[in-house]
Amino acid sequence: MIRSLVRGAGSALPPRIVTNDELAARLDTSNEWIVERTGIHQRHIAGEGETTATLATDAARAALADAGLEPGDIDLIVLATATPDNTFPATATKVQAALGCGPCAAFDVAAVCSGFLYAMSVADGMLVSGQARRALVIGAETFSRILDWEDRTTAVLFGDGAGAIVLEAQDVGDLGRNEGPGILTSQLHADGKHHDLLYVDGGPSTTQTVGHLRMKGREVFRHAVVNLAQVLGDVVAKAGVRVDEIDLVVPHQANIRILEATARKLGLPPEKLVVTVDRHANTSAASVPLAFAAARADGRVKQGDLILFEAMGGGFTWGASLVRL
């Protein structure tokens, strides 16, 4: 049996930190209002010369170092982003060139906040089918470039950053569906009927502009809790494991209230949740790998742990993956 195993993880954040108080100085909001409703205290914002590609490259280098590998060992790069450097070529090709990986496959995936899970599932499929041996899966965003900084309902929610993992195809022998290491199962969904609840009001084919992010927060919250609880339950059932067997949940970091409500629906204790939204805010496709890299760095992630990844984003798109390290 061939499975995709996690070999390493890394992250990158812009050095500039913007606090809630700094935003409150120019928006009709306050630190207390933001913290109470979102759990966010600060976010990292990209500066001059920092782009989605540069952050992705730094995160990829960190993941390669964690895996003990060189750029030449990689033969697939899948990069999830909603804020590419250019309309084309794919930002993944800029990362490939910066790393010096050679002429491997490299492309972008666009599924907004669920993008990393989509990218990981695509890479998993290519590895298991023998199209590649080792993959860099990256989530990277510079959402600060598409925010309306006069809109307090969205400007306070997002930040910039990148996270990456290295996946490697390995023969794990004759194991049961939930035994041994690797990606055990994934499930992805989308429902385009909800486009107008979370979107960017621009694009090359419609307005010929980049546009700004627009969101109806209350409706997004309601859909997020229901959809995430359902897909998490589906993935656990599909893998044949119990919820209490999960060692750690690495969720998309959108809002602390969504994280807590989803955990309650599944009966998960708070200590099993990785939370970075307080210091990273919502970094869209970067949030799941950033949170995983943080948990790996501080020792919460151990060999043999059963990890549940989940996310939901604009589209709507949502999904979950169950991985044993």
C-alpha atoms as a PDB file:
ATOM      1  CA  MET A   1       0.000   0.000   0.000  1.00  0.00           C
ATOM      2  CA  ILE A   2       1.392   3.405  -1.020  1.00  0.00           C
ATOM      3  CA  ARG A   3       0.636   6.320   1.270  1.00  0.00           C
ATOM      4  CA  SER A   4       1.662   9.967   1.423  1.00  0.00           C
ATOM      5  CA  LEU A   5       3.653  10.550   4.623  1.00  0.00           C
ATOM      6  CA  VAL A   6       4.360  13.933   6.193  1.00  0.00           C
ATOM      7  CA  ARG A   7       8.141  14.377   6.240  1.00  0.00           C
ATOM      8  CA  GLY A   8       8.430  18.001   7.366  1.00  0.00           C
ATOM      9  CA  ALA A   9       6.672  21.314   7.946  1.00  0.00           C
ATOM     10  CA  GLY A  10       7.631  24.968   7.876  1.00  0.00           C
ATOM     11  CA  SER A  11       6.179  28.453   8.009  1.00  0.00           C
ATOM     12  CA  ALA A  12       6.919  32.074   7.177  1.00  0.00           C
ATOM     13  CA  LEU A  13       5.404  35.278   8.524  1.00  0.00           C
ATOM     14  CA  PRO A  14       6.119  38.894   7.596  1.00  0.00           C
ATOM     15  CA  PRO A  15       8.025  40.663  10.382  1.00  0.00           C
ATOM     16  CA  ARG A  16       5.537  43.538  10.590  1.00  0.00           C
ATOM     17  CA  ILE A  17       2.881  42.958  13.266  1.00  0.00           C
ATOM     18  CA  VAL A  18      -0.275  45.056  13.314  1.00  0.00           C
ATOM     19  CA  THR A  19      -2.163  45.054  16.611  1.00  0.00           C
ATOM     20  CA  ASN A  20      -5.862  45.631  17.182  1.00  0.00           C
ATOM     21  CA  ASP A  21      -5.065  48.950  18.843  1.00  0.00           C
ATOM     22  CA  GLU A  22      -3.265  50.110  15.710  1.00  0.00           C
ATOM     23  CA  LEU A  23      -6.347  49.333  13.629  1.00  0.00           C
ATOM     24  CA  ALA A  24      -8.646  50.936  16.197  1.00  0.00           C
ATOM     25  CA  ALA A  25      -6.715  54.181  15.810  1.00  0.00           C
ATOM     26  CA  ARG A  26      -8.095  54.567  12.275  1.00  0.00           C
ATOM     27  CA  LEU A  27     -11.220  52.408  12.200  1.00  0.00           C
ATOM     28  CA  ASP A  28     -14.458  52.536  14.182  1.00  0.00           C
ATOM     29  CA  THR A  29     -13.532  49.548  16.319  1.00  0.00           C
ATOM     30  CA  SER A  30     -11.632  48.579  19.466  1.00  0.00           C
ATOM     31  CA  ASN A  31      -9.331  45.868  20.710  1.00  0.00           C
ATOM     32  CA  GLU A  32     -12.090  44.584  22.996  1.00  0.00           C
ATOM     33  CA  TRP A  33     -14.638  44.389  20.153  1.00  0.00           C
ATOM     34  CA  ILE A  34     -12.270  42.441  17.893  1.00  0.00           C
ATOM     35  CA  VAL A  35     -11.101  40.030  20.600  1.00  0.00           C
ATOM     36  CA  GLU A  36     -14.617  39.319  21.862  1.00  0.00           C
ATOM     37  CA  ARG A  37     -16.005  38.507  18.404  1.00  0.00           C
ATOM     38  CA  THR A  38     -13.009  36.842  16.753  1.00  0.00           C
ATOM     39  CA  GLY A  39     -10.291  35.988  19.273  1.00  0.00           C
ATOM     40  CA  ILE A  40      -7.781  37.942  17.171  1.00  0.00           C
ATOM     41  CA  HIS A  41      -5.186  40.118  18.944  1.00  0.00           C
ATOM     42  CA  GLN A  42      -2.776  40.809  16.080  1.00  0.00           C
ATOM     43  CA  ARG A  43      -1.859  39.880  12.526  1.00  0.00           C
ATOM     44  CA  HIS A  44       1.248  39.914  10.300  1.00  0.00           C
ATOM     45  CA  ILE A  45       1.151  42.214   7.264  1.00  0.00           C
ATOM     46  CA  ALA A  46       3.446  41.905   4.240  1.00  0.00           C
ATOM     47  CA  GLY A  47       5.699  44.860   3.542  1.00  0.00           C
ATOM     48  CA  GLU A  48       7.476  46.181   0.491  1.00  0.00           C
ATOM     49  CA  GLY A  49       9.145  43.399  -1.470  1.00  0.00           C
ATOM     50  CA  GLU A  50       7.195  40.664   0.338  1.00  0.00           C
ATOM     51  CA  THR A  51       4.775  38.724  -1.843  1.00  0.00           C
ATOM     52  CA  THR A  52       2.871  35.472  -1.783  1.00  0.00           C
ATOM     53  CA  ALA A  53       5.780  33.866  -3.667  1.00  0.00           C
ATOM     54  CA  THR A  54       8.483  35.109  -1.293  1.00  0.00           C
ATOM     55  CA  LEU A  55       6.549  33.955   1.777  1.00  0.00           C
ATOM     56  CA  ALA A  56       5.804  30.605   0.119  1.00  0.00           C
ATOM     57  CA  THR A  57       9.475  30.153  -0.751  1.00  0.00           C
ATOM     58  CA  ASP A  58      10.570  30.847   2.826  1.00  0.00           C
ATOM     59  CA  ALA A  59       7.991  28.408   4.209  1.00  0.00           C
ATOM     60  CA  ALA A  60       9.052  25.770   1.684  1.00  0.00           C
ATOM     61  CA  ARG A  61      12.720  26.154   2.639  1.00  0.00           C
ATOM     62  CA  ALA A  62      11.800  25.687   6.299  1.00  0.00           C
ATOM     63  CA  ALA A  63       9.761  22.566   5.490  1.00  0.00           C
ATOM     64  CA  LEU A  64      12.623  21.100   3.444  1.00  0.00           C
ATOM     65  CA  ALA A  65      15.048  21.743   6.308  1.00  0.00           C
ATOM     66  CA  ASP A  66      12.650  20.080   8.762  1.00  0.00           C
ATOM     67  CA  ALA A  67      12.431  17.072   6.434  1.00  0.00           C
ATOM     68  CA  GLY A  68      16.199  16.907   5.934  1.00  0.00           C
ATOM     69  CA  LEU A  69      15.772  17.235   2.157  1.00  0.00           C
ATOM     70  CA  GLU A  70      17.161  19.410  -0.629  1.00  0.00           C
ATOM     71  CA  PRO A  71      15.164  21.250  -3.332  1.00  0.00           C
ATOM     72  CA  GLY A  72      16.348  18.706  -5.894  1.00  0.00           C
ATOM     73  CA  ASP A  73      14.553  15.957  -3.952  1.00  0.00           C
ATOM     74  CA  ILE A  74      11.166  17.515  -4.815  1.00  0.00           C
ATOM     75  CA  ASP A  75       9.320  16.508  -7.986  1.00  0.00           C
ATOM     76  CA  LEU A  76       5.937  18.181  -7.350  1.00  0.00           C
ATOM     77  CA  ILE A  77       4.862  21.585  -6.007  1.00  0.00           C
ATOM     78  CA  VAL A  78       1.201  22.364  -5.334  1.00  0.00           C
ATOM     79  CA  LEU A  79       0.561  25.852  -3.989  1.00  0.00           C
ATOM     80  CA  ALA A  80      -2.804  26.964  -2.624  1.00  0.00           C
ATOM     81  CA  THR A  81      -3.514  30.688  -2.803  1.00  0.00           C
ATOM     82  CA  ALA A  82      -6.245  33.223  -3.521  1.00  0.00           C
ATOM     83  CA  THR A  83      -3.683  36.027  -3.811  1.00  0.00           C
ATOM     84  CA  PRO A  84      -1.176  34.952  -6.489  1.00  0.00           C
ATOM     85  CA  ASP A  85       1.694  37.194  -7.500  1.00  0.00           C
ATOM     86  CA  ASN A  86       0.341  37.334 -11.051  1.00  0.00           C
ATOM     87  CA  THR A  87      -2.753  36.203 -12.924  1.00  0.00           C
ATOM     88  CA  PHE A  88      -0.265  33.858 -14.587  1.00  0.00           C
ATOM     89  CA  PRO A  89       2.108  32.114 -14.437  1.00  0.00           C
ATOM     90  CA  ALA A  90       1.322  30.072 -11.353  1.00  0.00           C
ATOM     91  CA  THR A  91       2.984  31.329  -8.196  1.00  0.00           C
ATOM     92  CA  ALA A  92       4.193  27.753  -7.668  1.00  0.00           C
ATOM     93  CA  THR A  93       6.542  28.172 -10.641  1.00  0.00           C
ATOM     94  CA  LYS A  94       8.104  31.230  -9.002  1.00  0.00           C
ATOM     95  CA  VAL A  95       8.700  29.163  -5.864  1.00  0.00           C
ATOM     96  CA  GLN A  96      10.156  26.371  -7.982  1.00  0.00           C
ATOM     97  CA  ALA A  97      12.617  28.764  -9.628  1.00  0.00           C
ATOM     98  CA  ALA A  98      13.557  30.430  -6.327  1.00  0.00           C
ATOM     99  CA  LEU A  99      14.242  27.074  -4.678  1.00  0.00           C
ATOM    100  CA  GLY A 100      16.019  25.569  -7.674  1.00  0.00           C
ATOM    101  CA  CYS A 101      13.902  22.420  -7.721  1.00  0.00           C
ATOM    102  CA  GLY A 102      14.425  21.606 -11.375  1.00  0.00           C
ATOM    103  CA  PRO A 103      11.741  20.968 -14.026  1.00  0.00           C
ATOM    104  CA  CYS A 104       9.196  19.300 -11.784  1.00  0.00           C
ATOM    105  CA  ALA A 105       5.421  19.767 -11.964  1.00  0.00           C
ATOM    106  CA  ALA A 106       4.353  23.011 -10.268  1.00  0.00           C
ATOM    107  CA  PHE A 107       0.910  24.603 -10.215  1.00  0.00           C
ATOM    108  CA  ASP A 108      -1.537  26.596  -8.102  1.00  0.00           C
ATOM    109  CA  VAL A 109      -4.861  25.548  -6.558  1.00  0.00           C
ATOM    110  CA  ALA A 110      -7.592  28.119  -5.845  1.00  0.00           C
ATOM    111  CA  ALA A 111     -10.108  27.169  -3.160  1.00  0.00           C
ATOM    112  CA  VAL A 112      -9.595  30.144  -0.807  1.00  0.00           C
ATOM    113  CA  CYS A 113      -9.449  29.110   2.863  1.00  0.00           C
ATOM    114  CA  SER A 114      -9.912  25.434   1.980  1.00  0.00           C
ATOM    115  CA  GLY A 115      -7.119  25.671  -0.573  1.00  0.00           C
ATOM    116  CA  PHE A 116      -4.476  23.867   1.450  1.00  0.00           C
ATOM    117  CA  LEU A 117      -6.731  20.837   1.967  1.00  0.00           C
ATOM    118  CA  TYR A 118      -7.542  20.783  -1.743  1.00  0.00           C
ATOM    119  CA  ALA A 119      -3.818  21.064  -2.565  1.00  0.00           C
ATOM    120  CA  MET A 120      -2.898  18.314  -0.112  1.00  0.00           C
ATOM    121  CA  SER A 121      -5.542  16.003  -1.563  1.00  0.00           C
ATOM    122  CA  VAL A 122      -4.363  16.656  -5.142  1.00  0.00           C
ATOM    123  CA  ALA A 123      -0.738  16.009  -4.156  1.00  0.00           C
ATOM    124  CA  ASP A 124      -1.757  12.856  -2.278  1.00  0.00           C
ATOM    125  CA  GLY A 125      -3.495  11.514  -5.352  1.00  0.00           C
ATOM    126  CA  MET A 126      -0.466  12.176  -7.549  1.00  0.00           C
ATOM    127  CA  LEU A 127       1.911  10.575  -5.066  1.00  0.00           C
ATOM    128  CA  VAL A 128      -0.187   7.468  -4.506  1.00  0.00           C
ATOM    129  CA  SER A 129      -0.656   7.019  -8.279  1.00  0.00           C
ATOM    130  CA  GLY A 130       3.102   7.185  -8.860  1.00  0.00           C
ATOM    131  CA  GLN A 131       3.200  10.514 -10.717  1.00  0.00           C
ATOM    132  CA  ALA A 132       5.631  11.925  -8.135  1.00  0.00           C
ATOM    133  CA  ARG A 133       7.730  10.772  -5.182  1.00  0.00           C
ATOM    134  CA  ARG A 134       8.033  13.869  -2.999  1.00  0.00           C
ATOM    135  CA  ALA A 135       5.816  16.945  -2.967  1.00  0.00           C
ATOM    136  CA  LEU A 136       5.876  20.395  -1.465  1.00  0.00           C
ATOM    137  CA  VAL A 137       2.342  21.418  -0.520  1.00  0.00           C
ATOM    138  CA  ILE A 138       2.129  25.102   0.302  1.00  0.00           C
ATOM    139  CA  GLY A 139      -0.555  27.518   1.457  1.00  0.00           C
ATOM    140  CA  ALA A 140       0.459  31.158   1.041  1.00  0.00           C
ATOM    141  CA  GLU A 141      -1.444  34.433   1.089  1.00  0.00           C
ATOM    142  CA  THR A 142      -1.074  38.199   1.112  1.00  0.00           C
ATOM    143  CA  PHE A 143      -4.699  38.998   1.921  1.00  0.00           C
ATOM    144  CA  SER A 144      -3.722  42.492   3.039  1.00  0.00           C
ATOM    145  CA  ARG A 145      -3.499  43.346  -0.683  1.00  0.00           C
ATOM    146  CA  ILE A 146      -7.206  42.637  -1.315  1.00  0.00           C
ATOM    147  CA  LEU A 147      -8.695  44.146   1.847  1.00  0.00           C
ATOM    148  CA  ASP A 148     -10.771  47.315   1.971  1.00  0.00           C
ATOM    149  CA  TRP A 149      -8.982  48.992   4.845  1.00  0.00           C
ATOM    150  CA  GLU A 150     -11.981  51.264   5.442  1.00  0.00           C
ATOM    151  CA  ASP A 151     -14.281  48.281   6.094  1.00  0.00           C
ATOM    152  CA  ARG A 152     -13.971  47.389   9.759  1.00  0.00           C
ATOM    153  CA  THR A 153     -15.986  44.189   9.321  1.00  0.00           C
ATOM    154  CA  THR A 154     -13.280  42.597   7.143  1.00  0.00           C
ATOM    155  CA  ALA A 155     -10.069  44.603   7.640  1.00  0.00           C
ATOM    156  CA  VAL A 156      -9.612  43.334  11.198  1.00  0.00           C
ATOM    157  CA  LEU A 157     -10.000  39.658  10.316  1.00  0.00           C
ATOM    158  CA  PHE A 158      -7.136  38.805   7.969  1.00  0.00           C
ATOM    159  CA  GLY A 159      -3.370  38.564   7.879  1.00  0.00           C
ATOM    160  CA  ASP A 160      -0.517  37.393   5.658  1.00  0.00           C
ATOM    161  CA  GLY A 161       1.728  34.343   5.856  1.00  0.00           C
ATOM    162  CA  ALA A 162       2.655  30.959   4.437  1.00  0.00           C
ATOM    163  CA  GLY A 163       2.930  27.368   5.594  1.00  0.00           C
ATOM    164  CA  ALA A 164       4.247  24.263   3.864  1.00  0.00           C
ATOM    165  CA  ILE A 165       4.591  20.538   4.316  1.00  0.00           C
ATOM    166  CA  VAL A 166       6.667  17.915   2.539  1.00  0.00           C
ATOM    167  CA  LEU A 167       4.822  14.747   1.543  1.00  0.00           C
ATOM    168  CA  GLU A 168       6.618  11.580   0.490  1.00  0.00           C
ATOM    169  CA  ALA A 169       5.160   8.449  -1.115  1.00  0.00           C
ATOM    170  CA  GLN A 170       6.103   5.318   0.817  1.00  0.00           C
ATOM    171  CA  ASP A 171       5.059   1.688   0.734  1.00  0.00           C
ATOM    172  CA  VAL A 172       3.601   1.050   4.199  1.00  0.00           C
ATOM    173  CA  GLY A 173       2.818  -2.597   3.569  1.00  0.00           C
ATOM    174  CA  ASP A 174      -0.445  -4.434   4.118  1.00  0.00           C
ATOM    175  CA  LEU A 175      -2.266  -2.282   6.665  1.00  0.00           C
ATOM    176  CA  GLY A 176      -5.859  -1.612   7.640  1.00  0.00           C
ATOM    177  CA  ARG A 177      -7.481   1.603   6.466  1.00  0.00           C
ATOM    178  CA  ASN A 178      -6.762   3.419   9.738  1.00  0.00           C
ATOM    179  CA  GLU A 179      -3.439   1.780  10.617  1.00  0.00           C
ATOM    180  CA  GLY A 180       0.069   3.048  10.010  1.00  0.00           C
ATOM    181  CA  PRO A 181       1.334   6.456   8.916  1.00  0.00           C
ATOM    182  CA  GLY A 182       0.229   8.751   6.109  1.00  0.00           C
ATOM    183  CA  ILE A 183      -2.882  10.449   4.773  1.00  0.00           C
ATOM    184  CA  LEU A 184      -5.692   8.047   5.676  1.00  0.00           C
ATOM    185  CA  THR A 185      -8.620   9.789   4.026  1.00  0.00           C
ATOM    186  CA  SER A 186      -9.802  13.163   2.734  1.00  0.00           C
ATOM    187  CA  GLN A 187     -13.167  14.610   1.823  1.00  0.00           C
ATOM    188  CA  LEU A 188     -13.772  17.836  -0.141  1.00  0.00           C
ATOM    189  CA  HIS A 189     -16.954  19.752  -0.915  1.00  0.00           C
ATOM    190  CA  ALA A 190     -18.123  22.908  -2.660  1.00  0.00           C
ATOM    191  CA  ASP A 191     -21.430  24.741  -3.056  1.00  0.00           C
ATOM    192  CA  GLY A 192     -21.347  27.628  -5.516  1.00  0.00           C
ATOM    193  CA  LYS A 193     -24.823  28.859  -4.576  1.00  0.00           C
ATOM    194  CA  HIS A 194     -23.266  30.835  -1.731  1.00  0.00           C
ATOM    195  CA  HIS A 195     -20.882  32.907  -3.867  1.00  0.00           C
ATOM    196  CA  ASP A 196     -22.257  36.246  -2.643  1.00  0.00           C
ATOM    197  CA  LEU A 197     -21.624  35.516   1.036  1.00  0.00           C
ATOM    198  CA  LEU A 198     -17.833  35.591   0.715  1.00  0.00           C
ATOM    199  CA  TYR A 199     -16.078  36.815  -2.430  1.00  0.00           C
ATOM    200  CA  VAL A 200     -13.779  39.395  -4.015  1.00  0.00           C
ATOM    201  CA  ASP A 201     -15.565  42.012  -6.129  1.00  0.00           C
ATOM    202  CA  GLY A 202     -13.007  42.012  -8.929  1.00  0.00           C
ATOM    203  CA  GLY A 203     -11.211  39.813 -11.407  1.00  0.00           C
ATOM    204  CA  PRO A 204      -9.534  39.904 -14.826  1.00  0.00           C
ATOM    205  CA  SER A 205     -12.555  38.488 -16.681  1.00  0.00           C
ATOM    206  CA  THR A 206     -15.196  40.674 -15.007  1.00  0.00           C
ATOM    207  CA  THR A 207     -13.833  44.030 -13.857  1.00  0.00           C
ATOM    208  CA  GLN A 208     -10.200  43.875 -15.020  1.00  0.00           C
ATOM    209  CA  THR A 209      -9.260  44.852 -11.455  1.00  0.00           C
ATOM    210  CA  VAL A 210      -8.044  42.998  -8.370  1.00  0.00           C
ATOM    211  CA  GLY A 211     -11.042  44.028  -6.260  1.00  0.00           C
ATOM    212  CA  HIS A 212     -11.677  43.836  -2.524  1.00  0.00           C
ATOM    213  CA  LEU A 213     -12.889  41.105  -0.221  1.00  0.00           C
ATOM    214  CA  ARG A 214     -16.583  41.246   0.717  1.00  0.00           C
ATOM    215  CA  MET A 215     -18.254  39.089   3.352  1.00  0.00           C
ATOM    216  CA  LYS A 216     -21.548  38.587   5.160  1.00  0.00           C
ATOM    217  CA  GLY A 217     -20.080  37.356   8.399  1.00  0.00           C
ATOM    218  CA  ARG A 218     -23.171  36.081  10.194  1.00  0.00           C
ATOM    219  CA  GLU A 219     -24.233  33.841   7.306  1.00  0.00           C
ATOM    220  CA  VAL A 220     -20.683  32.551   6.827  1.00  0.00           C
ATOM    221  CA  PHE A 221     -20.473  31.664  10.520  1.00  0.00           C
ATOM    222  CA  ARG A 222     -23.706  29.661  10.377  1.00  0.00           C
ATOM    223  CA  HIS A 223     -22.669  27.670   7.308  1.00  0.00           C
ATOM    224  CA  ALA A 224     -19.157  27.109   8.656  1.00  0.00           C
ATOM    225  CA  VAL A 225     -20.247  25.446  11.888  1.00  0.00           C
ATOM    226  CA  VAL A 226     -22.758  23.142  10.165  1.00  0.00           C
ATOM    227  CA  ASN A 227     -20.543  22.205   7.203  1.00  0.00           C
ATOM    228  CA  LEU A 228     -17.385  21.643   9.218  1.00  0.00           C
ATOM    229  CA  ALA A 229     -19.075  19.500  11.845  1.00  0.00           C
ATOM    230  CA  GLN A 230     -20.603  17.362   9.102  1.00  0.00           C
ATOM    231  CA  VAL A 231     -17.418  16.846   7.076  1.00  0.00           C
ATOM    232  CA  LEU A 232     -15.374  16.113  10.194  1.00  0.00           C
ATOM    233  CA  GLY A 233     -17.867  13.463  11.224  1.00  0.00           C
ATOM    234  CA  ASP A 234     -17.850  12.018   7.704  1.00  0.00           C
ATOM    235  CA  VAL A 235     -14.053  11.768   7.551  1.00  0.00           C
ATOM    236  CA  VAL A 236     -13.800  10.099  10.953  1.00  0.00           C
ATOM    237  CA  ALA A 237     -16.474   7.580   9.981  1.00  0.00           C
ATOM    238  CA  LYS A 238     -14.853   6.936   6.603  1.00  0.00           C
ATOM    239  CA  ALA A 239     -11.519   6.178   8.271  1.00  0.00           C
ATOM    240  CA  GLY A 240     -13.159   3.923  10.843  1.00  0.00           C
ATOM    241  CA  VAL A 241     -11.879   5.765  13.911  1.00  0.00           C
ATOM    242  CA  ARG A 242     -13.579   7.274  16.939  1.00  0.00           C
ATOM    243  CA  VAL A 243     -13.523  10.979  17.699  1.00  0.00           C
ATOM    244  CA  ASP A 244     -11.795  10.301  21.011  1.00  0.00           C
ATOM    245  CA  GLU A 245      -8.905   8.628  19.141  1.00  0.00           C
ATOM    246  CA  ILE A 246      -7.953  11.919  17.487  1.00  0.00           C
ATOM    247  CA  ASP A 247      -4.885  13.426  19.132  1.00  0.00           C
ATOM    248  CA  LEU A 248      -5.051  16.903  17.593  1.00  0.00           C
ATOM    249  CA  VAL A 249      -7.331  18.979  15.372  1.00  0.00           C
ATOM    250  CA  VAL A 250      -5.667  21.544  13.106  1.00  0.00           C
ATOM    251  CA  PRO A 251      -8.505  23.794  11.928  1.00  0.00           C
ATOM    252  CA  HIS A 252      -8.683  26.748   9.591  1.00  0.00           C
ATOM    253  CA  GLN A 253      -8.092  29.794  11.772  1.00  0.00           C
ATOM    254  CA  ALA A 254     -11.002  32.065  10.871  1.00  0.00           C
ATOM    255  CA  ASN A 255     -12.680  32.881  14.154  1.00  0.00           C
ATOM    256  CA  ILE A 256     -12.285  31.467  17.655  1.00  0.00           C
ATOM    257  CA  ARG A 257     -16.060  31.151  17.998  1.00  0.00           C
ATOM    258  CA  ILE A 258     -16.264  28.943  14.890  1.00  0.00           C
ATOM    259  CA  LEU A 259     -13.467  26.758  16.259  1.00  0.00           C
ATOM    260  CA  GLU A 260     -15.139  26.382  19.637  1.00  0.00           C
ATOM    261  CA  ALA A 261     -18.626  25.779  18.211  1.00  0.00           C
ATOM    262  CA  THR A 262     -17.349  23.093  15.822  1.00  0.00           C
ATOM    263  CA  ALA A 263     -15.433  21.365  18.627  1.00  0.00           C
ATOM    264  CA  ARG A 264     -18.540  21.338  20.824  1.00  0.00           C
ATOM    265  CA  LYS A 265     -20.620  19.743  18.067  1.00  0.00           C
ATOM    266  CA  LEU A 266     -18.106  16.909  17.774  1.00  0.00           C
ATOM    267  CA  GLY A 267     -17.507  16.566  21.500  1.00  0.00           C
ATOM    268  CA  LEU A 268     -13.831  17.494  21.211  1.00  0.00           C
ATOM    269  CA  PRO A 269     -12.082  18.935  24.282  1.00  0.00           C
ATOM    270  CA  PRO A 270     -10.552  22.417  23.785  1.00  0.00           C
ATOM    271  CA  GLU A 271      -7.037  21.153  24.526  1.00  0.00           C
ATOM    272  CA  LYS A 272      -7.101  19.112  21.306  1.00  0.00           C
ATOM    273  CA  LEU A 273      -7.577  22.238  19.175  1.00  0.00           C
ATOM    274  CA  VAL A 274      -4.572  24.046  17.698  1.00  0.00           C
ATOM    275  CA  VAL A 275      -5.341  27.764  17.938  1.00  0.00           C
ATOM    276  CA  THR A 276      -3.208  30.426  16.253  1.00  0.00           C
ATOM    277  CA  VAL A 277      -5.940  32.843  15.170  1.00  0.00           C
ATOM    278  CA  ASP A 278      -5.080  35.074  18.140  1.00  0.00           C
ATOM    279  CA  ARG A 279      -1.668  35.941  16.688  1.00  0.00           C
ATOM    280  CA  HIS A 280      -2.023  35.170  12.952  1.00  0.00           C
ATOM    281  CA  ALA A 281      -5.665  36.171  12.292  1.00  0.00           C
ATOM    282  CA  ASN A 282      -7.236  34.538   9.225  1.00  0.00           C
ATOM    283  CA  THR A 283      -4.508  33.785   6.678  1.00  0.00           C
ATOM    284  CA  SER A 284      -6.855  31.884   4.327  1.00  0.00           C
ATOM    285  CA  ALA A 285      -5.056  29.002   2.566  1.00  0.00           C
ATOM    286  CA  ALA A 286      -1.998  29.530   4.785  1.00  0.00           C
ATOM    287  CA  SER A 287      -3.804  29.121   8.097  1.00  0.00           C
ATOM    288  CA  VAL A 288      -3.912  25.302   8.340  1.00  0.00           C
ATOM    289  CA  PRO A 289      -0.223  24.701   7.471  1.00  0.00           C
ATOM    290  CA  LEU A 290       0.812  27.659   9.655  1.00  0.00           C
ATOM    291  CA  ALA A 291      -1.084  26.157  12.591  1.00  0.00           C
ATOM    292  CA  PHE A 292       0.355  22.691  11.937  1.00  0.00           C
ATOM    293  CA  ALA A 293       3.917  24.053  11.742  1.00  0.00           C
ATOM    294  CA  ALA A 294       3.363  25.930  15.019  1.00  0.00           C
ATOM    295  CA  ALA A 295       2.101  22.781  16.774  1.00  0.00           C
ATOM    296  CA  ARG A 296       4.997  20.753  15.378  1.00  0.00           C
ATOM    297  CA  ALA A 297       7.515  23.360  16.523  1.00  0.00           C
ATOM    298  CA  ASP A 298       6.186  23.558  20.091  1.00  0.00           C
ATOM    299  CA  GLY A 299       6.110  19.785  20.567  1.00  0.00           C
ATOM    300  CA  ARG A 300       2.361  19.166  20.489  1.00  0.00           C
ATOM    301  CA  VAL A 301       2.710  17.000  17.380  1.00  0.00           C
ATOM    302  CA  LYS A 302       4.339  13.624  17.975  1.00  0.00           C
ATOM    303  CA  GLN A 303       5.143  10.628  15.819  1.00  0.00           C
ATOM    304  CA  GLY A 304       2.158   8.312  15.592  1.00  0.00           C
ATOM    305  CA  ASP A 305      -0.394  11.044  16.381  1.00  0.00           C
ATOM    306  CA  LEU A 306      -3.721  11.051  14.575  1.00  0.00           C
ATOM    307  CA  ILE A 307      -4.257  14.564  13.212  1.00  0.00           C
ATOM    308  CA  LEU A 308      -7.487  15.983  11.779  1.00  0.00           C
ATOM    309  CA  PHE A 309      -7.185  18.920   9.368  1.00  0.00           C
ATOM    310  CA  GLU A 310     -10.269  20.967   8.429  1.00  0.00           C
ATOM    311  CA  ALA A 311     -11.172  24.197   6.641  1.00  0.00           C
ATOM    312  CA  MET A 312     -13.960  26.143   4.981  1.00  0.00           C
ATOM    313  CA  GLY A 313     -13.703  29.120   2.655  1.00  0.00           C
ATOM    314  CA  GLY A 314     -15.317  31.190  -0.066  1.00  0.00           C
ATOM    315  CA  GLY A 315     -17.138  29.390  -2.811  1.00  0.00           C
ATOM    316  CA  PHE A 316     -18.257  27.861  -0.482  1.00  0.00           C
ATOM    317  CA  THR A 317     -15.560  25.213  -0.318  1.00  0.00           C
ATOM    318  CA  TRP A 318     -14.840  23.000   2.661  1.00  0.00           C
ATOM    319  CA  GLY A 319     -13.139  19.758   3.554  1.00  0.00           C
ATOM    320  CA  ALA A 320     -11.179  17.643   6.009  1.00  0.00           C
ATOM    321  CA  SER A 321      -8.282  15.210   6.012  1.00  0.00           C
ATOM    322  CA  LEU A 322      -7.210  12.607   8.542  1.00  0.00           C
ATOM    323  CA  VAL A 323      -3.464  12.005   8.799  1.00  0.00           C
ATOM    324  CA  ARG A 324      -1.387   9.732  11.004  1.00  0.00           C
ATOM    325  CA  LEU A 325       2.186  10.901  11.528  1.00  0.00           C
END
